[in-house]
Protein backbone atom coordinates (compact mmCIF):
# COMPACT_ATOMS: atom_id res chain seq x y z
CA MET A 1 150.05 -130.24 80.16
CA ASP A 2 151.94 -130.60 76.92
CA ASP A 3 149.15 -131.30 74.44
CA LYS A 4 147.42 -128.08 73.36
CA ASP A 5 143.95 -129.65 72.96
CA ASN A 6 144.07 -131.21 76.41
CA GLU A 7 145.44 -127.97 77.75
CA ASP A 8 142.46 -126.03 76.40
CA VAL A 9 140.01 -128.51 77.94
CA GLU A 10 141.73 -128.57 81.33
CA LEU A 11 141.94 -124.78 81.58
CA GLU A 12 138.49 -124.00 80.20
CA GLU A 13 136.76 -124.61 83.53
CA PRO A 14 139.01 -122.43 85.77
CA ILE A 15 139.11 -119.67 83.17
CA ASP A 16 135.29 -119.66 83.09
CA GLU A 17 134.95 -119.71 86.88
CA ILE A 18 137.63 -117.13 87.70
CA GLU A 19 137.52 -113.55 86.52
CA ILE A 20 141.24 -113.01 86.00
CA HIS A 21 140.94 -109.25 85.75
CA ASP A 22 139.17 -109.11 89.12
CA ILE A 23 142.30 -110.52 90.72
CA HIS A 24 144.95 -108.40 89.06
CA GLU A 25 145.04 -105.53 86.63
CA GLU A 26 147.28 -107.05 83.97
CA ASP A 27 148.45 -110.52 83.10
CA ASP A 28 150.85 -111.95 80.58
CA LYS A 29 150.41 -115.62 79.56
CA THR A 30 153.49 -117.32 78.16
CA ARG A 31 155.31 -120.66 78.18
CA ALA A 32 157.62 -121.48 81.10
CA VAL A 33 161.05 -123.04 80.62
CA THR A 34 159.65 -126.34 81.95
CA GLY A 35 156.96 -126.37 79.26
CA GLY A 36 154.16 -125.45 81.67
CA LEU A 37 151.79 -122.53 81.24
CA LEU A 38 152.99 -119.34 82.93
CA TRP A 39 150.97 -116.33 84.05
CA GLU A 40 152.94 -113.35 85.31
CA SER A 41 150.93 -111.36 87.82
CA ALA A 42 152.17 -108.38 89.75
CA LYS A 43 149.37 -108.37 92.34
CA LYS A 44 147.34 -110.85 94.39
CA ALA A 45 149.13 -113.89 92.97
CA ASP A 46 148.47 -115.90 96.13
CA LEU A 47 144.73 -115.33 95.77
CA LEU A 48 144.78 -116.58 92.18
CA VAL A 49 146.72 -119.69 93.23
CA LYS A 50 144.15 -120.41 95.92
CA ARG A 51 141.23 -120.06 93.49
CA LEU A 52 142.90 -122.21 90.83
CA ARG A 53 143.65 -124.95 93.36
CA THR A 54 139.99 -124.90 94.41
CA VAL A 55 138.56 -125.37 90.92
CA LEU A 56 141.30 -127.77 89.81
CA GLY A 57 141.49 -129.74 93.04
CA TRP A 58 139.92 -132.89 91.57
CA LYS A 59 142.16 -132.91 88.49
CA LYS A 60 145.72 -134.18 88.23
CA VAL A 61 147.07 -130.65 87.88
CA ARG A 62 149.74 -128.94 89.94
CA VAL A 63 149.36 -125.21 90.53
CA SER A 64 152.29 -123.30 91.99
CA ARG A 65 153.51 -119.76 92.36
CA PRO A 66 157.25 -119.74 91.59
CA SER A 67 159.40 -117.62 93.88
CA LYS A 68 163.11 -117.17 94.31
CA HIS A 69 164.54 -119.64 96.83
CA THR A 70 167.83 -119.69 98.72
CA GLU A 71 169.63 -122.92 99.61
CA PHE A 72 171.83 -123.32 102.68
CA HIS A 73 173.33 -125.87 105.04
CA VAL A 74 172.08 -126.07 108.61
CA GLY A 75 174.77 -127.47 110.91
CA SER A 76 175.57 -128.04 114.61
CA LEU A 77 172.34 -130.03 115.05
CA ASP A 78 171.96 -132.24 118.13
CA ASP A 79 171.10 -135.94 118.07
CA VAL A 80 167.37 -135.47 118.62
CA ALA A 81 166.81 -132.83 115.91
CA THR A 82 164.46 -133.83 113.07
CA ARG A 83 163.73 -132.43 109.62
CA GLU A 84 160.38 -131.24 110.91
CA ASP A 85 162.15 -129.34 113.72
CA ILE A 86 164.36 -127.56 111.19
CA ALA A 87 161.45 -126.62 108.94
CA SER A 88 159.43 -125.38 111.90
CA ALA A 89 162.32 -123.23 113.13
CA ILE A 90 162.87 -121.72 109.68
CA SER A 91 159.16 -121.01 109.34
CA SER A 92 158.99 -119.37 112.76
CA VAL A 93 162.04 -117.13 112.33
CA GLY A 94 161.74 -116.42 108.60
CA GLY A 95 157.97 -116.01 108.43
CA CYS A 96 157.79 -118.53 105.59
CA PRO A 97 154.95 -121.08 105.14
CA ILE A 98 155.99 -124.65 105.85
CA GLY A 99 154.95 -125.58 102.31
CA ASP A 100 157.66 -123.30 100.90
CA ILE A 101 160.42 -124.95 102.95
CA LYS A 102 162.41 -128.03 101.97
CA VAL A 103 164.79 -129.89 104.26
CA GLY A 104 167.03 -132.79 103.28
CA PRO A 105 168.08 -135.79 105.39
CA ILE A 106 170.15 -135.03 108.47
CA ARG A 107 173.64 -136.43 108.12
CA GLY A 108 175.99 -137.12 111.01
CA LEU A 109 179.42 -135.50 110.99
CA GLY A 110 182.66 -136.71 112.55
CA SER A 111 182.22 -134.23 115.41
CA GLY A 112 178.94 -135.87 116.39
CA ALA A 113 176.79 -132.94 115.29
CA GLY A 114 174.33 -133.26 112.41
CA SER A 115 173.96 -131.23 109.23
CA ALA A 116 171.19 -130.90 106.65
CA TRP A 117 170.44 -129.10 103.39
CA ALA A 118 167.54 -126.65 103.48
CA SER A 119 165.78 -124.28 101.10
CA CYS A 120 163.21 -121.52 101.62
CA THR A 121 162.14 -118.27 99.98
CA ALA A 122 164.89 -115.69 99.60
CA GLY A 123 163.18 -113.21 101.91
CA ALA A 124 162.75 -115.77 104.66
CA ALA A 125 166.35 -116.94 104.30
CA SER A 126 167.56 -113.36 104.67
CA ARG A 127 165.65 -113.00 107.94
CA VAL A 128 166.90 -116.34 109.22
CA PHE A 129 170.53 -115.45 108.53
CA LYS A 130 170.04 -112.07 110.19
CA LYS A 131 168.32 -113.38 113.35
CA GLY A 132 169.97 -116.78 113.63
CA LEU A 133 168.33 -120.18 113.99
CA THR A 134 167.73 -122.32 117.05
CA VAL A 135 166.69 -125.94 116.42
CA GLY A 136 165.58 -127.63 119.64
CA TRP A 137 168.08 -126.62 122.28
CA SER A 138 170.96 -126.02 119.86
CA ARG A 139 172.02 -122.87 118.09
CA ALA A 140 172.35 -123.95 114.47
CA ARG A 141 175.20 -122.93 112.20
CA MET A 142 174.13 -121.84 108.72
CA GLU A 143 176.14 -121.69 105.52
CA PRO A 144 174.68 -120.24 102.29
CA LEU A 145 175.07 -122.29 99.11
CA GLN A 146 175.67 -120.97 95.62
CA ALA A 147 172.71 -121.02 93.26
CA ARG A 148 172.64 -124.20 91.19
CA PRO A 149 172.58 -124.09 87.38
CA LEU A 150 169.46 -125.16 85.52
CA ARG A 151 169.83 -128.95 85.23
CA CYS A 152 167.94 -131.63 83.33
CA TYR A 153 167.33 -134.66 85.55
CA ARG A 154 166.92 -136.94 82.53
CA CYS A 155 170.36 -136.56 80.92
CA LEU A 156 171.96 -134.77 83.94
CA ASP A 157 173.34 -132.00 81.70
CA VAL A 158 172.85 -128.31 82.45
CA GLY A 159 171.26 -125.51 80.45
CA HIS A 160 167.80 -127.05 79.95
CA VAL A 161 165.08 -129.03 81.75
CA TRP A 162 163.43 -132.44 81.25
CA ALA A 163 160.63 -131.08 79.05
CA ARG A 164 163.20 -129.67 76.60
CA CYS A 165 165.60 -132.64 76.64
CA THR A 166 166.41 -134.33 73.33
CA ALA A 167 169.24 -136.55 74.60
CA PRO A 168 169.01 -140.24 73.59
CA VAL A 169 170.15 -141.47 77.01
CA ASP A 170 167.98 -141.53 80.17
CA CYS A 171 170.19 -141.15 83.23
CA SER A 172 167.45 -140.22 85.68
CA ASP A 173 168.12 -143.31 87.82
CA ARG A 174 171.85 -142.63 88.26
CA CYS A 175 173.25 -141.78 91.70
CA TYR A 176 174.68 -138.24 91.67
CA CYS A 177 177.57 -139.33 93.88
CA CYS A 178 178.87 -142.54 92.28
CA GLY A 179 176.80 -143.00 89.10
CA ASP A 180 175.34 -146.38 90.11
CA ARG A 181 171.73 -147.15 89.12
CA SER A 182 170.85 -149.23 92.18
CA HIS A 183 170.30 -146.35 94.62
CA ARG A 184 169.83 -142.60 95.01
CA ALA A 185 172.46 -140.15 96.21
CA GLY A 186 170.78 -139.87 99.62
CA LEU A 187 171.51 -143.58 100.22
CA CYS A 188 174.98 -143.68 98.64
CA THR A 189 177.74 -145.22 100.77
CA ALA A 190 180.56 -144.87 98.24
CA ARG A 191 183.76 -143.45 99.70
CA VAL A 192 184.91 -142.01 96.39
CA PHE A 193 182.81 -139.62 94.30
CA ARG A 194 182.35 -140.46 90.63
CA CYS A 195 180.29 -137.85 88.74
CA PRO A 196 178.05 -139.78 86.28
CA LEU A 197 177.90 -136.92 83.77
CA CYS A 198 181.65 -136.40 83.61
CA VAL A 199 182.27 -140.17 83.45
CA ASP A 200 179.99 -140.39 80.41
CA LEU A 201 181.74 -137.48 78.73
CA GLY A 202 185.25 -138.77 79.39
CA LEU A 203 186.09 -135.88 81.72
CA PRO A 204 187.76 -135.95 85.16
CA ALA A 205 185.04 -137.38 87.42
CA GLY A 206 186.39 -137.42 90.98
CA HIS A 207 183.56 -135.28 92.33
CA ARG A 208 179.80 -135.29 92.95
CA LEU A 209 177.46 -134.27 90.13
CA GLY A 210 177.58 -130.47 89.94
CA GLY A 211 180.20 -130.26 92.68
CA ALA A 212 183.46 -128.37 92.71
CA GLY A 213 185.56 -129.48 89.76
CA CYS A 214 182.58 -130.46 87.59
CA VAL A 215 183.88 -129.07 84.31
CA ARG A 216 180.68 -129.82 82.40
CA SER A 217 178.53 -127.83 84.82
CA ALA A 218 180.90 -124.89 84.58
CA GLN A 219 180.71 -124.94 80.77
CA GLY A 220 176.94 -124.44 80.79
CA GLY A 221 175.75 -127.68 79.19
CA SER A 222 174.62 -128.57 75.69
CA GLY A 223 171.14 -127.03 75.59
CA GLY A 224 169.45 -130.43 75.45
CA ARG A 225 171.64 -132.04 72.79
CA ARG A 226 173.92 -134.82 73.97
CA PRO A 227 176.28 -136.71 71.62
CA PRO A 228 175.27 -140.26 70.62
CA ALA A 229 176.23 -142.78 73.28
CA ARG A 230 177.71 -146.23 73.01
CA PRO A 231 177.52 -148.86 75.78
CA GLU A 232 180.78 -149.82 77.43
CA GLY A 233 180.44 -152.00 80.51
CA SER A 234 177.76 -150.74 82.88
CA LEU A 235 178.29 -147.07 82.06
CA TRP A 236 177.83 -144.95 78.96
CA THR A 237 180.81 -143.44 77.18
CA LEU A 238 180.18 -140.36 75.06
CA VAL A 239 182.36 -138.30 72.77
CA PRO A 240 183.00 -134.98 74.56
CA PRO A 241 181.13 -132.18 72.77
CA PRO A 242 182.72 -128.85 71.86
CA LEU A 243 182.81 -126.20 74.56
CA VAL A 244 179.78 -123.96 74.64
CA HIS A 245 179.02 -120.82 76.57
CA PRO A 246 176.10 -120.70 78.99
CA SER A 247 172.96 -119.63 77.20
CA THR A 248 171.71 -116.20 78.07
CA SER A 249 168.89 -116.54 77.47
CA GLY A 250 155.16 -116.18 88.10
CA MET A 251 152.58 -118.64 88.14
CA GLU A 252 152.94 -122.11 86.73
CA VAL A 253 150.23 -124.59 85.88
CA GLY A 254 151.46 -128.04 84.89
CA GLY A 255 150.03 -131.53 84.87
C-alpha cells in the first residue's frame, strides 16, 4: 500500500477491531525497506498475524511476519523425490511450518542424483543441519549458501528493492543465466552463463546473475540509480558507474 490515503482506509478496520496493546506491550510502527508498513513486536507476533489475516482476509492485502531465513542446497536426491517430499522432510526435522519453507525445482546431476535449492527459517535450518535430512529412502547431502545481497528485481542491481528503484530500464523479464527475455532462469538451457547486469554495464559477464565473479554485486550496487541506457541490438549497454561502497545502512503489511 503505497498511497497514504488508501493506506489509512485499508488499515482503519483492523486497527479498530484489534486491540494492539492486548497482544503485545510495546510496538513501533515504521516503514520497511520494501515500502510496506512495518510493526516491530517483541511478543505474540504470530497471534497478531493471525488476527490481521482474519480481518483482512477479503482484501487484496498480504500480511507476513518476516523472519531470518537460511538458504541451502539439498543434494543426493533419488529419482522419485519431489519438492513436496523435501519440504515435508525439512518441516519434520526442523520443526518449521510448511508455509515458511521454499524449495526450488529438482535438477538432475551428471551422477544421476538430483539437487534442489531450499530455504527455511534459520532456527529450523540449524536443526536440520545438526540432525541430517532423509528424503524418501535417501540420505540427503546439504550445503549452506551464503546470504544474498538485497537485490532489485526490476533493474537487477543490488542495494535497494523494487519499491525504491528509480532506474529507467525494466529488466524484470531477463533470464538471470543468459539475459534473454524469452524465458526464466529455471527454464534456461544455455550452456554459457551471461550475466544480464554485467553485460549492460560493460563488465565481464561470464557468470550467472549474482554468482561468483559478479563484480557489480560485490560492489554493492547503485542505491536505485542506474546510468541512462541506450539500445544496442537486443541488449542494453550502459556506461559503467563509479565504484560505490555497500550502503550501511517484524511484521509487514503490504498490498
